[in-house]
Amino acid sequence: MSKRILEVVDYNPQWPALYQKEAELLLSILNKNIANIHHIGSTSVEHLAAKPIIDILVEVNDLNLLDSCSDIMLFHGYKAKGENGIAGRRYFQKGGDNRTHHIHAFEVKNPRIVEHLVFRDYLKKHSNIAKKYGELKKQIVKNCNNDSNKYCHSKAAFITHHLIKALRV
């Protein structure tokens, strides 16, 4: 059994195009259930080092309808992971141990949507903070021994601190 290798790489200018291609696929699959779709996460912030996985936030009109699409999502490479630790979310992974995409789906007006978008926009506006975040992630990935939970936990304080600042603006 292979083990997932975590890596943080320098910004890749192809990431927006990879997002756009996948957004078009998702729109064709989920069509009328999608209210909005957004490129989020570190790959959405120009010049920010990131794990090379495209994070996509999908605002849906009906989570139950999304749940009924698990088979078609799987056909297109997305494994449904349920809420995966966040109430009200539907989470999908594409690529197995060599992940390429994550989908975070919430019903319209879920407050988590605002948090994702505000944090992304804050990093876009504050390149110095984004640079520090990228450096932190590179350091964490060296020390986490490919443990995703340790990686996420180690950057949580930074995210929370700056999310609070971003929400105050």
C-alpha atoms as a PDB file:
ATOM      1  CA  MET A   1       0.000   0.000   0.000  1.00  0.00           C
ATOM      2  CA  SER A   2       1.429   3.373  -0.983  1.00  0.00           C
ATOM      3  CA  LYS A   3       1.544   6.249   1.433  1.00  0.00           C
ATOM      4  CA  ARG A   4       0.535   9.747   0.488  1.00  0.00           C
ATOM      5  CA  ILE A   5       3.514  12.093   0.238  1.00  0.00           C
ATOM      6  CA  LEU A   6       2.815  15.660   1.335  1.00  0.00           C
ATOM      7  CA  GLU A   7       4.669  18.408  -0.459  1.00  0.00           C
ATOM      8  CA  VAL A   8       4.501  22.184  -0.580  1.00  0.00           C
ATOM      9  CA  VAL A   9       5.754  23.697  -3.812  1.00  0.00           C
ATOM     10  CA  ASP A  10       6.242  27.184  -5.177  1.00  0.00           C
ATOM     11  CA  TYR A  11       3.289  28.792  -6.928  1.00  0.00           C
ATOM     12  CA  ASN A  12       2.448  27.309 -10.309  1.00  0.00           C
ATOM     13  CA  PRO A  13       0.886  29.767 -12.790  1.00  0.00           C
ATOM     14  CA  GLN A  14      -1.055  26.824 -14.299  1.00  0.00           C
ATOM     15  CA  TRP A  15      -3.195  26.441 -11.170  1.00  0.00           C
ATOM     16  CA  PRO A  16      -5.898  28.942 -12.240  1.00  0.00           C
ATOM     17  CA  ALA A  17      -6.299  27.129 -15.579  1.00  0.00           C
ATOM     18  CA  LEU A  18      -6.517  23.768 -13.800  1.00  0.00           C
ATOM     19  CA  TYR A  19      -9.213  25.225 -11.562  1.00  0.00           C
ATOM     20  CA  GLN A  20     -11.133  26.614 -14.546  1.00  0.00           C
ATOM     21  CA  LYS A  21     -11.063  23.282 -16.373  1.00  0.00           C
ATOM     22  CA  GLU A  22     -12.371  21.462 -13.307  1.00  0.00           C
ATOM     23  CA  ALA A  23     -14.995  24.135 -12.607  1.00  0.00           C
ATOM     24  CA  GLU A  24     -16.371  23.614 -16.106  1.00  0.00           C
ATOM     25  CA  LEU A  25     -16.538  19.856 -15.508  1.00  0.00           C
ATOM     26  CA  LEU A  26     -18.351  20.346 -12.199  1.00  0.00           C
ATOM     27  CA  LEU A  27     -20.802  22.772 -13.770  1.00  0.00           C
ATOM     28  CA  SER A  28     -21.603  20.194 -16.443  1.00  0.00           C
ATOM     29  CA  ILE A  29     -22.110  17.437 -13.834  1.00  0.00           C
ATOM     30  CA  LEU A  30     -23.995  19.342 -11.139  1.00  0.00           C
ATOM     31  CA  ASN A  31     -25.438  22.083 -13.374  1.00  0.00           C
ATOM     32  CA  LYS A  32     -28.564  23.605 -11.775  1.00  0.00           C
ATOM     33  CA  ASN A  33     -27.604  22.651  -8.223  1.00  0.00           C
ATOM     34  CA  ILE A  34     -24.546  24.938  -8.312  1.00  0.00           C
ATOM     35  CA  ALA A  35     -25.248  28.496  -7.193  1.00  0.00           C
ATOM     36  CA  ASN A  36     -21.577  29.580  -7.222  1.00  0.00           C
ATOM     37  CA  ILE A  37     -18.169  28.015  -7.630  1.00  0.00           C
ATOM     38  CA  HIS A  38     -14.865  29.429  -6.364  1.00  0.00           C
ATOM     39  CA  HIS A  39     -11.145  28.663  -6.500  1.00  0.00           C
ATOM     40  CA  ILE A  40     -10.021  28.693  -2.867  1.00  0.00           C
ATOM     41  CA  GLY A  41      -7.040  27.569  -0.854  1.00  0.00           C
ATOM     42  CA  SER A  42      -3.419  28.385  -1.421  1.00  0.00           C
ATOM     43  CA  THR A  43      -3.423  27.509  -5.126  1.00  0.00           C
ATOM     44  CA  SER A  44      -5.847  30.411  -5.637  1.00  0.00           C
ATOM     45  CA  VAL A  45      -3.387  32.995  -4.299  1.00  0.00           C
ATOM     46  CA  GLU A  46      -0.772  34.139  -6.787  1.00  0.00           C
ATOM     47  CA  HIS A  47       2.830  33.578  -5.620  1.00  0.00           C
ATOM     48  CA  LEU A  48       1.770  31.521  -2.564  1.00  0.00           C
ATOM     49  CA  ALA A  49       3.528  28.198  -1.992  1.00  0.00           C
ATOM     50  CA  ALA A  50       1.016  25.372  -1.709  1.00  0.00           C
ATOM     51  CA  LYS A  51       0.340  21.696  -1.793  1.00  0.00           C
ATOM     52  CA  PRO A  52      -0.288  21.168  -5.519  1.00  0.00           C
ATOM     53  CA  ILE A  53      -3.972  20.369  -4.999  1.00  0.00           C
ATOM     54  CA  ILE A  54      -6.693  22.578  -6.422  1.00  0.00           C
ATOM     55  CA  ASP A  55      -9.293  23.421  -3.757  1.00  0.00           C
ATOM     56  CA  ILE A  56     -12.727  24.245  -5.083  1.00  0.00           C
ATOM     57  CA  LEU A  57     -15.599  25.687  -3.063  1.00  0.00           C
ATOM     58  CA  VAL A  58     -18.990  24.820  -4.484  1.00  0.00           C
ATOM     59  CA  GLU A  59     -22.101  26.569  -3.206  1.00  0.00           C
ATOM     60  CA  VAL A  60     -25.064  24.297  -3.845  1.00  0.00           C
ATOM     61  CA  ASN A  61     -28.772  24.860  -3.524  1.00  0.00           C
ATOM     62  CA  ASP A  62     -29.419  21.417  -2.012  1.00  0.00           C
ATOM     63  CA  LEU A  63     -26.948  19.129  -0.209  1.00  0.00           C
ATOM     64  CA  ASN A  64     -29.317  16.161  -0.528  1.00  0.00           C
ATOM     65  CA  LEU A  65     -29.307  16.573  -4.294  1.00  0.00           C
ATOM     66  CA  LEU A  66     -25.500  16.727  -4.211  1.00  0.00           C
ATOM     67  CA  ASP A  67     -25.438  13.532  -2.123  1.00  0.00           C
ATOM     68  CA  SER A  68     -27.473  11.807  -4.816  1.00  0.00           C
ATOM     69  CA  CYS A  69     -24.702  12.617  -7.334  1.00  0.00           C
ATOM     70  CA  SER A  70     -21.985  10.545  -5.614  1.00  0.00           C
ATOM     71  CA  ASP A  71     -21.929   7.919  -8.386  1.00  0.00           C
ATOM     72  CA  ILE A  72     -21.452  10.458 -11.195  1.00  0.00           C
ATOM     73  CA  MET A  73     -18.825  12.244  -9.111  1.00  0.00           C
ATOM     74  CA  LEU A  74     -17.005   8.935  -8.628  1.00  0.00           C
ATOM     75  CA  PHE A  75     -17.203   8.294 -12.368  1.00  0.00           C
ATOM     76  CA  HIS A  76     -15.272  11.575 -12.818  1.00  0.00           C
ATOM     77  CA  GLY A  77     -12.686  10.584 -10.220  1.00  0.00           C
ATOM     78  CA  TYR A  78     -14.128  12.193  -7.077  1.00  0.00           C
ATOM     79  CA  LYS A  79     -14.428  10.085  -3.947  1.00  0.00           C
ATOM     80  CA  ALA A  80     -17.163  11.316  -1.588  1.00  0.00           C
ATOM     81  CA  LYS A  81     -15.911  11.712   1.989  1.00  0.00           C
ATOM     82  CA  GLY A  82     -19.123  13.031   3.593  1.00  0.00           C
ATOM     83  CA  GLU A  83     -18.742  15.951   5.981  1.00  0.00           C
ATOM     84  CA  ASN A  84     -15.172  14.860   6.807  1.00  0.00           C
ATOM     85  CA  GLY A  85     -15.121  16.690  10.127  1.00  0.00           C
ATOM     86  CA  ILE A  86     -16.993  19.863   9.163  1.00  0.00           C
ATOM     87  CA  ALA A  87     -20.738  19.901   9.785  1.00  0.00           C
ATOM     88  CA  GLY A  88     -22.763  20.967   6.774  1.00  0.00           C
ATOM     89  CA  ARG A  89     -19.981  20.302   4.276  1.00  0.00           C
ATOM     90  CA  ARG A  90     -19.648  17.670   1.593  1.00  0.00           C
ATOM     91  CA  TYR A  91     -16.038  16.893   0.813  1.00  0.00           C
ATOM     92  CA  PHE A  92     -14.683  15.116  -2.256  1.00  0.00           C
ATOM     93  CA  GLN A  93     -11.126  14.083  -3.140  1.00  0.00           C
ATOM     94  CA  LYS A  94      -9.762  13.368  -6.598  1.00  0.00           C
ATOM     95  CA  GLY A  95      -6.542  11.483  -7.271  1.00  0.00           C
ATOM     96  CA  GLY A  96      -6.222   9.119  -4.293  1.00  0.00           C
ATOM     97  CA  ASP A  97      -2.697   9.226  -2.838  1.00  0.00           C
ATOM     98  CA  ASN A  98      -1.671  11.564  -5.668  1.00  0.00           C
ATOM     99  CA  ARG A  99      -4.439  14.051  -5.050  1.00  0.00           C
ATOM    100  CA  THR A 100      -5.143  16.714  -7.629  1.00  0.00           C
ATOM    101  CA  HIS A 101      -8.396  18.308  -6.425  1.00  0.00           C
ATOM    102  CA  HIS A 102     -10.510  18.795  -3.320  1.00  0.00           C
ATOM    103  CA  ILE A 103     -14.117  19.932  -3.392  1.00  0.00           C
ATOM    104  CA  HIS A 104     -15.650  21.625  -0.378  1.00  0.00           C
ATOM    105  CA  ALA A 105     -19.397  21.931  -0.955  1.00  0.00           C
ATOM    106  CA  PHE A 106     -21.789  23.861   1.259  1.00  0.00           C
ATOM    107  CA  GLU A 107     -25.366  24.955   0.893  1.00  0.00           C
ATOM    108  CA  VAL A 108     -25.785  28.593  -0.043  1.00  0.00           C
ATOM    109  CA  LYS A 109     -25.504  30.944   2.973  1.00  0.00           C
ATOM    110  CA  ASN A 110     -23.457  28.537   5.100  1.00  0.00           C
ATOM    111  CA  PRO A 111     -21.078  30.780   7.138  1.00  0.00           C
ATOM    112  CA  ARG A 112     -18.086  28.595   6.230  1.00  0.00           C
ATOM    113  CA  ILE A 113     -18.332  29.927   2.682  1.00  0.00           C
ATOM    114  CA  VAL A 114     -17.556  33.451   3.864  1.00  0.00           C
ATOM    115  CA  GLU A 115     -14.610  32.222   5.943  1.00  0.00           C
ATOM    116  CA  HIS A 116     -12.985  30.507   2.966  1.00  0.00           C
ATOM    117  CA  LEU A 117     -13.476  33.480   0.659  1.00  0.00           C
ATOM    118  CA  VAL A 118     -12.423  36.103   3.196  1.00  0.00           C
ATOM    119  CA  PHE A 119      -9.230  34.241   4.090  1.00  0.00           C
ATOM    120  CA  ARG A 120      -8.361  33.779   0.404  1.00  0.00           C
ATOM    121  CA  ASP A 121      -8.978  37.451  -0.342  1.00  0.00           C
ATOM    122  CA  TYR A 122      -7.002  38.540   2.738  1.00  0.00           C
ATOM    123  CA  LEU A 123      -3.965  36.588   1.534  1.00  0.00           C
ATOM    124  CA  LYS A 124      -4.345  38.083  -1.946  1.00  0.00           C
ATOM    125  CA  LYS A 125      -4.350  41.605  -0.484  1.00  0.00           C
ATOM    126  CA  HIS A 126      -1.501  40.994   1.989  1.00  0.00           C
ATOM    127  CA  SER A 127       1.376  39.463   0.046  1.00  0.00           C
ATOM    128  CA  ASN A 128       3.678  39.719   3.074  1.00  0.00           C
ATOM    129  CA  ILE A 129       1.296  37.549   5.124  1.00  0.00           C
ATOM    130  CA  ALA A 130       0.912  35.132   2.198  1.00  0.00           C
ATOM    131  CA  LYS A 131       4.695  34.840   1.973  1.00  0.00           C
ATOM    132  CA  LYS A 132       4.939  34.054   5.709  1.00  0.00           C
ATOM    133  CA  TYR A 133       2.168  31.495   5.322  1.00  0.00           C
ATOM    134  CA  GLY A 134       3.986  29.807   2.441  1.00  0.00           C
ATOM    135  CA  GLU A 135       7.225  29.685   4.437  1.00  0.00           C
ATOM    136  CA  LEU A 136       5.387  28.242   7.434  1.00  0.00           C
ATOM    137  CA  LYS A 137       3.805  25.519   5.294  1.00  0.00           C
ATOM    138  CA  LYS A 138       7.173  24.578   3.784  1.00  0.00           C
ATOM    139  CA  GLN A 139       8.635  24.244   7.280  1.00  0.00           C
ATOM    140  CA  ILE A 140       5.685  22.245   8.577  1.00  0.00           C
ATOM    141  CA  VAL A 141       5.726  19.804   5.664  1.00  0.00           C
ATOM    142  CA  LYS A 142       9.419  19.064   6.377  1.00  0.00           C
ATOM    143  CA  ASN A 143       8.560  18.108   9.954  1.00  0.00           C
ATOM    144  CA  CYS A 144       5.155  16.425   9.715  1.00  0.00           C
ATOM    145  CA  ASN A 145       6.350  13.063   8.338  1.00  0.00           C
ATOM    146  CA  ASN A 146       3.545  13.020   5.727  1.00  0.00           C
ATOM    147  CA  ASP A 147       0.926  13.178   8.485  1.00  0.00           C
ATOM    148  CA  SER A 148      -1.963  15.245   7.093  1.00  0.00           C
ATOM    149  CA  ASN A 149      -3.513  15.782  10.521  1.00  0.00           C
ATOM    150  CA  LYS A 150      -0.233  17.061  11.951  1.00  0.00           C
ATOM    151  CA  TYR A 151       0.252  19.294   8.902  1.00  0.00           C
ATOM    152  CA  CYS A 152      -3.238  20.826   9.249  1.00  0.00           C
ATOM    153  CA  HIS A 153      -2.995  21.173  13.033  1.00  0.00           C
ATOM    154  CA  SER A 154       0.400  22.879  12.786  1.00  0.00           C
ATOM    155  CA  LYS A 155      -0.907  25.661  10.563  1.00  0.00           C
ATOM    156  CA  ALA A 156      -4.268  26.091  12.323  1.00  0.00           C
ATOM    157  CA  ALA A 157      -3.130  28.832  14.723  1.00  0.00           C
ATOM    158  CA  PHE A 158      -1.777  30.930  11.837  1.00  0.00           C
ATOM    159  CA  ILE A 159      -5.006  30.513   9.883  1.00  0.00           C
ATOM    160  CA  THR A 160      -7.223  31.319  12.865  1.00  0.00           C
ATOM    161  CA  HIS A 161      -5.192  34.403  13.774  1.00  0.00           C
ATOM    162  CA  HIS A 162      -5.359  35.828  10.253  1.00  0.00           C
ATOM    163  CA  LEU A 163      -8.954  34.765   9.637  1.00  0.00           C
ATOM    164  CA  ILE A 164     -10.008  36.772  12.680  1.00  0.00           C
ATOM    165  CA  LYS A 165      -8.112  39.785  11.304  1.00  0.00           C
ATOM    166  CA  ALA A 166      -9.649  39.298   7.867  1.00  0.00           C
ATOM    167  CA  LEU A 167     -13.186  39.069   9.240  1.00  0.00           C
ATOM    168  CA  ARG A 168     -12.729  42.351  11.142  1.00  0.00           C
ATOM    169  CA  VAL A 169     -11.995  44.273   7.948  1.00  0.00           C
END
